Amino acid sequence: MQLSHAISGLENAVEAQLRVAGSETADIGSQLLNALRPAIRQTLMEVVTMAATEVSSQLRGSRVEVRLVDGDPELIVAEDASAVPPPPPPPGTDDDEARITLRLPGYLKELIAEAAAGSGDSLNAFVVDALRSKTHSSGKSGSRYRTTIEL
């Protein structure tokens, strides 16, 4: 995806509006657009990243990554290693059961209950699966990086 096309479209639209106000205003507006170009580009990158994060949250077993190719974002759908089902319990532990009491803020319990319902699981099964995947993970999980790119 080339951000330069989106930026050019925005610049053309703003410059067309500024020309209506007169040539002096159009010149000042053009200078302002030139000064704002890096901020506009950074904002568009953040929008692309937010969109990728939102789409990833709705995918099962995959995630959307944003990679820079020649300064422009490229969206890649990759397998989500954290979504791989955890290994089965060790033999002989199927009948073992333990109870714990966990105190959570009410809003957090509601968020977990909504996520469980969204995945078609009971609250208990959802929490057990989440804990199992964390304790049997390969140690490598997805990370989110936030950075500023100077253009």
N, C-alpha and C. Protein backbone atom coordinates (compact mmCIF):
# COMPACT_ATOMS: atom_id res chain seq x y z
N MET A 1 0.86 -1.16 0.00
CA MET A 1 0.00 0.00 0.00
C MET A 1 0.91 1.22 0.00
N GLN A 2 0.64 2.12 -0.91
CA GLN A 2 1.49 3.30 -1.02
C GLN A 2 0.80 4.49 -0.36
N LEU A 3 1.41 4.97 0.72
CA LEU A 3 0.84 6.11 1.43
C LEU A 3 0.95 7.38 0.60
N SER A 4 1.91 7.43 -0.32
CA SER A 4 2.11 8.64 -1.10
C SER A 4 0.85 8.99 -1.91
N HIS A 5 0.10 7.99 -2.38
CA HIS A 5 -1.14 8.26 -3.12
C HIS A 5 -2.18 8.91 -2.20
N ALA A 6 -2.31 8.40 -1.00
CA ALA A 6 -3.27 8.97 -0.05
C ALA A 6 -2.87 10.38 0.35
N ILE A 7 -1.58 10.59 0.58
CA ILE A 7 -1.09 11.92 0.96
C ILE A 7 -1.30 12.90 -0.19
N SER A 8 -1.01 12.48 -1.41
CA SER A 8 -1.22 13.35 -2.58
C SER A 8 -2.69 13.72 -2.73
N GLY A 9 -3.57 12.75 -2.53
CA GLY A 9 -5.00 13.03 -2.60
C GLY A 9 -5.43 14.05 -1.57
N LEU A 10 -4.92 13.91 -0.35
CA LEU A 10 -5.24 14.86 0.71
C LEU A 10 -4.70 16.24 0.36
N GLU A 11 -3.46 16.30 -0.09
CA GLU A 11 -2.86 17.59 -0.46
C GLU A 11 -3.64 18.26 -1.58
N ASN A 12 -4.03 17.50 -2.60
CA ASN A 12 -4.79 18.07 -3.72
C ASN A 12 -6.13 18.62 -3.26
N ALA A 13 -6.79 17.89 -2.37
CA ALA A 13 -8.09 18.35 -1.87
C ALA A 13 -7.93 19.64 -1.06
N VAL A 14 -6.92 19.69 -0.20
CA VAL A 14 -6.70 20.89 0.63
C VAL A 14 -6.29 22.06 -0.26
N GLU A 15 -5.40 21.84 -1.20
CA GLU A 15 -4.95 22.93 -2.08
C GLU A 15 -6.10 23.46 -2.93
N ALA A 16 -7.00 22.60 -3.37
CA ALA A 16 -8.16 23.06 -4.14
C ALA A 16 -9.04 23.97 -3.29
N GLN A 17 -9.20 23.62 -2.04
CA GLN A 17 -10.00 24.47 -1.14
C GLN A 17 -9.29 25.79 -0.86
N LEU A 18 -7.98 25.74 -0.72
CA LEU A 18 -7.22 26.97 -0.44
C LEU A 18 -7.22 27.93 -1.63
N ARG A 19 -7.23 27.39 -2.84
CA ARG A 19 -7.24 28.25 -4.03
C ARG A 19 -8.50 29.11 -4.08
N VAL A 20 -9.58 28.61 -3.53
CA VAL A 20 -10.82 29.37 -3.48
C VAL A 20 -10.64 30.63 -2.64
N ALA A 21 -9.78 30.54 -1.63
CA ALA A 21 -9.56 31.68 -0.73
C ALA A 21 -8.59 32.71 -1.31
N GLY A 22 -7.90 32.38 -2.38
CA GLY A 22 -6.98 33.34 -2.99
C GLY A 22 -5.58 32.78 -3.09
N SER A 23 -4.77 33.40 -3.94
CA SER A 23 -3.43 32.88 -4.21
C SER A 23 -2.50 32.99 -3.01
N GLU A 24 -2.62 34.08 -2.24
CA GLU A 24 -1.76 34.24 -1.06
C GLU A 24 -2.05 33.16 -0.03
N THR A 25 -3.32 32.89 0.21
CA THR A 25 -3.72 31.84 1.15
C THR A 25 -3.28 30.47 0.63
N ALA A 26 -3.39 30.27 -0.68
CA ALA A 26 -2.97 28.99 -1.28
C ALA A 26 -1.48 28.78 -1.09
N ASP A 27 -0.67 29.83 -1.25
CA ASP A 27 0.78 29.72 -1.06
C ASP A 27 1.12 29.37 0.39
N ILE A 28 0.47 30.05 1.33
CA ILE A 28 0.71 29.77 2.76
C ILE A 28 0.26 28.35 3.09
N GLY A 29 -0.90 27.95 2.58
CA GLY A 29 -1.41 26.61 2.81
C GLY A 29 -0.49 25.54 2.24
N SER A 30 0.09 25.80 1.07
CA SER A 30 1.02 24.85 0.46
C SER A 30 2.27 24.68 1.32
N GLN A 31 2.77 25.79 1.86
CA GLN A 31 3.93 25.72 2.76
C GLN A 31 3.58 24.93 4.03
N LEU A 32 2.38 25.15 4.54
CA LEU A 32 1.95 24.42 5.73
C LEU A 32 1.83 22.92 5.44
N LEU A 33 1.28 22.58 4.28
CA LEU A 33 1.18 21.16 3.91
C LEU A 33 2.56 20.52 3.81
N ASN A 34 3.51 21.23 3.25
CA ASN A 34 4.88 20.70 3.16
C ASN A 34 5.45 20.44 4.55
N ALA A 35 5.18 21.36 5.48
CA ALA A 35 5.68 21.19 6.85
C ALA A 35 4.98 20.04 7.56
N LEU A 36 3.72 19.80 7.23
CA LEU A 36 2.94 18.75 7.91
C LEU A 36 3.09 17.37 7.28
N ARG A 37 3.73 17.26 6.13
CA ARG A 37 3.83 15.98 5.41
C ARG A 37 4.35 14.85 6.31
N PRO A 38 5.44 15.03 7.09
CA PRO A 38 5.89 13.92 7.96
C PRO A 38 4.84 13.52 9.01
N ALA A 39 4.15 14.50 9.57
CA ALA A 39 3.13 14.19 10.58
C ALA A 39 1.95 13.46 9.94
N ILE A 40 1.58 13.86 8.73
CA ILE A 40 0.49 13.20 8.02
C ILE A 40 0.88 11.75 7.73
N ARG A 41 2.10 11.55 7.27
CA ARG A 41 2.58 10.20 6.96
C ARG A 41 2.60 9.33 8.21
N GLN A 42 3.08 9.88 9.32
CA GLN A 42 3.13 9.13 10.59
C GLN A 42 1.73 8.78 11.06
N THR A 43 0.79 9.71 10.93
CA THR A 43 -0.59 9.45 11.34
C THR A 43 -1.20 8.33 10.49
N LEU A 44 -0.95 8.36 9.19
CA LEU A 44 -1.47 7.29 8.34
C LEU A 44 -0.84 5.94 8.71
N MET A 45 0.43 5.93 9.05
CA MET A 45 1.06 4.68 9.50
C MET A 45 0.39 4.15 10.77
N GLU A 46 0.08 5.06 11.69
CA GLU A 46 -0.58 4.65 12.92
C GLU A 46 -1.98 4.11 12.64
N VAL A 47 -2.69 4.70 11.69
CA VAL A 47 -4.01 4.21 11.31
C VAL A 47 -3.90 2.80 10.72
N VAL A 48 -2.92 2.58 9.87
CA VAL A 48 -2.71 1.25 9.28
C VAL A 48 -2.42 0.24 10.39
N THR A 49 -1.57 0.61 11.33
CA THR A 49 -1.22 -0.28 12.43
C THR A 49 -2.44 -0.59 13.31
N MET A 50 -3.25 0.43 13.59
CA MET A 50 -4.46 0.20 14.38
C MET A 50 -5.43 -0.71 13.64
N ALA A 51 -5.56 -0.52 12.34
CA ALA A 51 -6.46 -1.37 11.55
C ALA A 51 -5.96 -2.82 11.56
N ALA A 52 -4.64 -3.01 11.43
CA ALA A 52 -4.08 -4.36 11.46
C ALA A 52 -4.33 -5.01 12.81
N THR A 53 -4.18 -4.26 13.89
CA THR A 53 -4.43 -4.79 15.23
C THR A 53 -5.90 -5.17 15.40
N GLU A 54 -6.79 -4.33 14.90
CA GLU A 54 -8.22 -4.61 15.00
C GLU A 54 -8.59 -5.86 14.21
N VAL A 55 -8.09 -5.99 13.00
CA VAL A 55 -8.40 -7.17 12.18
C VAL A 55 -7.80 -8.42 12.83
N SER A 56 -6.58 -8.31 13.36
CA SER A 56 -5.93 -9.45 14.03
C SER A 56 -6.77 -9.95 15.20
N SER A 57 -7.39 -9.03 15.93
CA SER A 57 -8.18 -9.44 17.09
C SER A 57 -9.41 -10.24 16.68
N GLN A 58 -9.80 -10.17 15.42
CA GLN A 58 -10.97 -10.88 14.94
C GLN A 58 -10.62 -12.16 14.18
N LEU A 59 -9.34 -12.43 14.01
CA LEU A 59 -8.91 -13.63 13.31
C LEU A 59 -8.53 -14.71 14.31
N ARG A 60 -8.85 -15.94 13.99
CA ARG A 60 -8.44 -17.06 14.83
C ARG A 60 -7.31 -17.78 14.12
N GLY A 61 -6.19 -17.93 14.80
CA GLY A 61 -5.06 -18.66 14.25
C GLY A 61 -4.18 -17.85 13.33
N SER A 62 -4.53 -16.59 13.09
CA SER A 62 -3.72 -15.72 12.23
C SER A 62 -3.64 -14.33 12.84
N ARG A 63 -2.68 -13.57 12.37
CA ARG A 63 -2.57 -12.18 12.79
C ARG A 63 -2.10 -11.37 11.59
N VAL A 64 -2.39 -10.10 11.60
CA VAL A 64 -1.99 -9.21 10.53
C VAL A 64 -0.78 -8.42 11.02
N GLU A 65 0.30 -8.50 10.25
CA GLU A 65 1.51 -7.76 10.58
C GLU A 65 1.66 -6.61 9.60
N VAL A 66 2.25 -5.53 10.09
CA VAL A 66 2.56 -4.40 9.23
C VAL A 66 4.07 -4.37 9.05
N ARG A 67 4.50 -4.46 7.81
CA ARG A 67 5.93 -4.41 7.50
C ARG A 67 6.18 -3.22 6.58
N LEU A 68 7.33 -2.60 6.75
CA LEU A 68 7.70 -1.49 5.88
C LEU A 68 8.50 -2.01 4.71
N VAL A 69 8.05 -1.68 3.51
CA VAL A 69 8.75 -2.04 2.28
C VAL A 69 8.96 -0.74 1.51
N ASP A 70 10.20 -0.35 1.37
CA ASP A 70 10.54 0.91 0.70
C ASP A 70 9.80 2.09 1.31
N GLY A 71 9.64 2.09 2.64
CA GLY A 71 9.02 3.20 3.34
C GLY A 71 7.50 3.17 3.39
N ASP A 72 6.88 2.21 2.73
CA ASP A 72 5.43 2.10 2.73
C ASP A 72 5.01 0.84 3.47
N PRO A 73 3.84 0.88 4.14
CA PRO A 73 3.39 -0.30 4.88
C PRO A 73 2.89 -1.40 3.95
N GLU A 74 3.16 -2.62 4.36
CA GLU A 74 2.65 -3.79 3.64
C GLU A 74 1.99 -4.67 4.69
N LEU A 75 0.76 -5.09 4.43
CA LEU A 75 0.03 -5.92 5.38
C LEU A 75 0.23 -7.39 5.02
N ILE A 76 0.64 -8.17 6.01
CA ILE A 76 0.92 -9.59 5.83
C ILE A 76 0.07 -10.37 6.83
N VAL A 77 -0.61 -11.40 6.36
CA VAL A 77 -1.34 -12.29 7.27
C VAL A 77 -0.40 -13.45 7.59
N ALA A 78 -0.13 -13.63 8.88
CA ALA A 78 0.79 -14.67 9.34
C ALA A 78 0.10 -15.57 10.35
N GLU A 79 0.64 -16.76 10.49
CA GLU A 79 0.10 -17.70 11.48
C GLU A 79 0.40 -17.15 12.87
N ASP A 80 -0.57 -17.26 13.75
CA ASP A 80 -0.41 -16.80 15.12
C ASP A 80 -0.02 -18.00 15.98
N ALA A 81 1.25 -18.07 16.34
CA ALA A 81 1.76 -19.21 17.10
C ALA A 81 1.07 -19.34 18.46
N SER A 82 0.63 -18.21 19.02
CA SER A 82 -0.03 -18.28 20.33
C SER A 82 -1.43 -18.89 20.22
N ALA A 83 -1.97 -18.98 18.98
CA ALA A 83 -3.30 -19.56 18.80
C ALA A 83 -3.25 -21.07 18.59
N VAL A 84 -2.05 -21.64 18.51
CA VAL A 84 -1.92 -23.09 18.35
C VAL A 84 -2.44 -23.72 19.63
N PRO A 85 -3.30 -24.74 19.51
CA PRO A 85 -3.86 -25.33 20.72
C PRO A 85 -2.75 -25.89 21.62
N PRO A 86 -2.92 -25.72 22.91
CA PRO A 86 -1.91 -26.22 23.83
C PRO A 86 -1.86 -27.74 23.80
N PRO A 87 -0.74 -28.29 24.22
CA PRO A 87 -0.63 -29.75 24.22
C PRO A 87 -1.59 -30.35 25.24
N PRO A 88 -1.97 -31.60 25.02
CA PRO A 88 -2.88 -32.24 25.98
C PRO A 88 -2.19 -32.41 27.33
N PRO A 89 -2.97 -32.55 28.37
CA PRO A 89 -2.37 -32.74 29.70
C PRO A 89 -1.60 -34.06 29.73
N PRO A 90 -0.62 -34.15 30.63
CA PRO A 90 0.15 -35.39 30.76
C PRO A 90 -0.77 -36.56 31.09
N PRO A 91 -0.38 -37.78 30.69
CA PRO A 91 -1.21 -38.95 30.97
C PRO A 91 -1.49 -39.11 32.47
N GLY A 92 -2.68 -39.53 32.76
CA GLY A 92 -3.05 -39.79 34.15
C GLY A 92 -3.52 -38.56 34.90
N THR A 93 -3.60 -37.40 34.23
CA THR A 93 -4.03 -36.18 34.93
C THR A 93 -5.42 -35.73 34.52
N ASP A 94 -6.11 -36.54 33.68
CA ASP A 94 -7.42 -36.13 33.19
C ASP A 94 -8.43 -35.95 34.32
N ASP A 95 -8.33 -36.75 35.36
CA ASP A 95 -9.31 -36.68 36.43
C ASP A 95 -8.90 -35.73 37.55
N ASP A 96 -7.66 -35.25 37.49
CA ASP A 96 -7.20 -34.32 38.52
C ASP A 96 -7.87 -32.97 38.32
N GLU A 97 -8.30 -32.41 39.41
CA GLU A 97 -8.94 -31.11 39.35
C GLU A 97 -8.55 -30.33 40.58
N ALA A 98 -8.32 -29.05 40.41
CA ALA A 98 -7.98 -28.17 41.53
C ALA A 98 -8.84 -26.93 41.43
N ARG A 99 -9.11 -26.33 42.54
CA ARG A 99 -9.90 -25.11 42.57
C ARG A 99 -9.04 -23.97 43.09
N ILE A 100 -9.27 -22.81 42.50
CA ILE A 100 -8.63 -21.60 43.03
C ILE A 100 -9.70 -20.53 43.10
N THR A 101 -9.49 -19.59 43.98
CA THR A 101 -10.37 -18.43 44.06
C THR A 101 -9.59 -17.26 43.50
N LEU A 102 -10.20 -16.59 42.56
CA LEU A 102 -9.53 -15.47 41.90
C LEU A 102 -10.43 -14.26 42.02
N ARG A 103 -9.90 -13.21 42.60
CA ARG A 103 -10.68 -11.98 42.74
C ARG A 103 -10.28 -11.02 41.63
N LEU A 104 -11.28 -10.57 40.88
CA LEU A 104 -11.07 -9.67 39.77
C LEU A 104 -11.96 -8.45 39.92
N PRO A 105 -11.56 -7.34 39.33
CA PRO A 105 -12.51 -6.22 39.25
C PRO A 105 -13.70 -6.64 38.38
N GLY A 106 -14.87 -6.15 38.70
CA GLY A 106 -16.07 -6.54 37.99
C GLY A 106 -16.00 -6.31 36.49
N TYR A 107 -15.42 -5.17 36.08
CA TYR A 107 -15.35 -4.89 34.65
C TYR A 107 -14.48 -5.92 33.93
N LEU A 108 -13.41 -6.41 34.59
CA LEU A 108 -12.52 -7.38 33.98
C LEU A 108 -13.23 -8.73 33.81
N LYS A 109 -14.01 -9.11 34.82
CA LYS A 109 -14.78 -10.35 34.71
C LYS A 109 -15.75 -10.27 33.53
N GLU A 110 -16.38 -9.12 33.36
CA GLU A 110 -17.32 -8.94 32.25
C GLU A 110 -16.59 -9.01 30.91
N LEU A 111 -15.40 -8.43 30.81
CA LEU A 111 -14.62 -8.50 29.57
C LEU A 111 -14.25 -9.95 29.24
N ILE A 112 -13.84 -10.70 30.27
CA ILE A 112 -13.48 -12.11 30.06
C ILE A 112 -14.71 -12.91 29.66
N ALA A 113 -15.85 -12.64 30.31
CA ALA A 113 -17.09 -13.35 29.98
C ALA A 113 -17.51 -13.06 28.54
N GLU A 114 -17.37 -11.81 28.09
CA GLU A 114 -17.72 -11.47 26.70
C GLU A 114 -16.78 -12.18 25.72
N ALA A 115 -15.48 -12.21 26.05
CA ALA A 115 -14.52 -12.90 25.16
C ALA A 115 -14.83 -14.39 25.10
N ALA A 116 -15.18 -14.98 26.24
CA ALA A 116 -15.52 -16.40 26.28
C ALA A 116 -16.76 -16.67 25.44
N ALA A 117 -17.77 -15.84 25.60
CA ALA A 117 -19.00 -16.02 24.83
C ALA A 117 -18.72 -15.86 23.34
N GLY A 118 -17.86 -14.90 23.00
CA GLY A 118 -17.51 -14.68 21.60
C GLY A 118 -16.79 -15.85 20.97
N SER A 119 -16.07 -16.61 21.78
CA SER A 119 -15.36 -17.78 21.25
C SER A 119 -16.16 -19.06 21.41
N GLY A 120 -17.35 -18.95 22.01
CA GLY A 120 -18.22 -20.12 22.17
C GLY A 120 -17.83 -21.00 23.34
N ASP A 121 -17.06 -20.48 24.27
CA ASP A 121 -16.62 -21.26 25.44
C ASP A 121 -17.34 -20.77 26.69
N SER A 122 -17.34 -21.64 27.70
CA SER A 122 -17.79 -21.19 29.02
C SER A 122 -16.69 -20.32 29.61
N LEU A 123 -17.05 -19.54 30.60
CA LEU A 123 -16.07 -18.68 31.26
C LEU A 123 -14.93 -19.52 31.82
N ASN A 124 -15.27 -20.63 32.47
CA ASN A 124 -14.26 -21.50 33.08
C ASN A 124 -13.33 -22.08 32.01
N ALA A 125 -13.91 -22.62 30.93
CA ALA A 125 -13.10 -23.22 29.87
C ALA A 125 -12.19 -22.19 29.22
N PHE A 126 -12.72 -20.97 29.03
CA PHE A 126 -11.93 -19.91 28.43
C PHE A 126 -10.72 -19.56 29.29
N VAL A 127 -10.93 -19.41 30.60
CA VAL A 127 -9.84 -19.06 31.51
C VAL A 127 -8.83 -20.20 31.59
N VAL A 128 -9.30 -21.46 31.67
CA VAL A 128 -8.40 -22.60 31.73
C VAL A 128 -7.55 -22.67 30.47
N ASP A 129 -8.18 -22.50 29.28
CA ASP A 129 -7.42 -22.53 28.03
C ASP A 129 -6.40 -21.40 27.97
N ALA A 130 -6.79 -20.22 28.43
CA ALA A 130 -5.87 -19.08 28.42
C ALA A 130 -4.67 -19.35 29.33
N LEU A 131 -4.93 -19.89 30.51
CA LEU A 131 -3.83 -20.20 31.44
C LEU A 131 -2.97 -21.33 30.90
N ARG A 132 -3.59 -22.35 30.31
CA ARG A 132 -2.84 -23.46 29.74
C ARG A 132 -1.91 -22.97 28.62
N SER A 133 -2.42 -22.10 27.76
CA SER A 133 -1.59 -21.63 26.65
C SER A 133 -0.44 -20.77 27.16
N LYS A 134 -0.63 -20.06 28.24
CA LYS A 134 0.47 -19.24 28.79
C LYS A 134 1.53 -20.11 29.47
N THR A 135 1.11 -21.19 30.11
CA THR A 135 2.08 -22.02 30.82
C THR A 135 2.76 -23.03 29.93
N HIS A 136 2.21 -23.30 28.74
CA HIS A 136 2.82 -24.24 27.81
C HIS A 136 3.33 -23.55 26.56
N SER A 137 3.50 -22.23 26.64
CA SER A 137 3.93 -21.51 25.44
C SER A 137 5.40 -21.76 25.18
N SER A 138 5.80 -21.47 23.97
CA SER A 138 7.20 -21.68 23.58
C SER A 138 8.09 -20.57 24.10
N GLY A 139 7.49 -19.62 24.80
CA GLY A 139 8.28 -18.50 25.30
C GLY A 139 8.33 -17.36 24.31
N LYS A 140 7.80 -17.61 23.12
CA LYS A 140 7.82 -16.57 22.09
C LYS A 140 6.39 -16.18 21.81
N SER A 141 6.03 -14.98 22.16
CA SER A 141 4.68 -14.51 21.89
C SER A 141 4.75 -13.24 21.08
N GLY A 142 3.63 -12.84 20.53
CA GLY A 142 3.59 -11.63 19.72
C GLY A 142 3.93 -10.42 20.56
N SER A 143 4.58 -9.48 19.96
CA SER A 143 4.93 -8.25 20.64
C SER A 143 4.42 -7.07 19.83
N ARG A 144 4.16 -6.01 20.51
CA ARG A 144 3.72 -4.81 19.84
C ARG A 144 4.80 -3.77 20.03
N TYR A 145 5.25 -3.19 18.95
CA TYR A 145 6.29 -2.18 18.99
C TYR A 145 5.72 -0.86 18.53
N ARG A 146 6.06 0.18 19.23
CA ARG A 146 5.63 1.52 18.84
C ARG A 146 6.89 2.34 18.65
N THR A 147 6.99 2.99 17.51
CA THR A 147 8.18 3.76 17.21
C THR A 147 7.82 4.95 16.34
N THR A 148 8.69 5.89 16.26
CA THR A 148 8.52 7.04 15.38
C THR A 148 9.50 6.89 14.24
N ILE A 149 9.02 7.08 13.04
CA ILE A 149 9.85 6.95 11.86
C ILE A 149 10.10 8.34 11.29
N GLU A 150 11.33 8.72 11.21
CA GLU A 150 11.68 10.02 10.63
C GLU A 150 11.76 9.85 9.12
N LEU A 151 11.03 10.66 8.38
CA LEU A 151 11.03 10.58 6.91
C LEU A 151 11.75 11.76 6.31
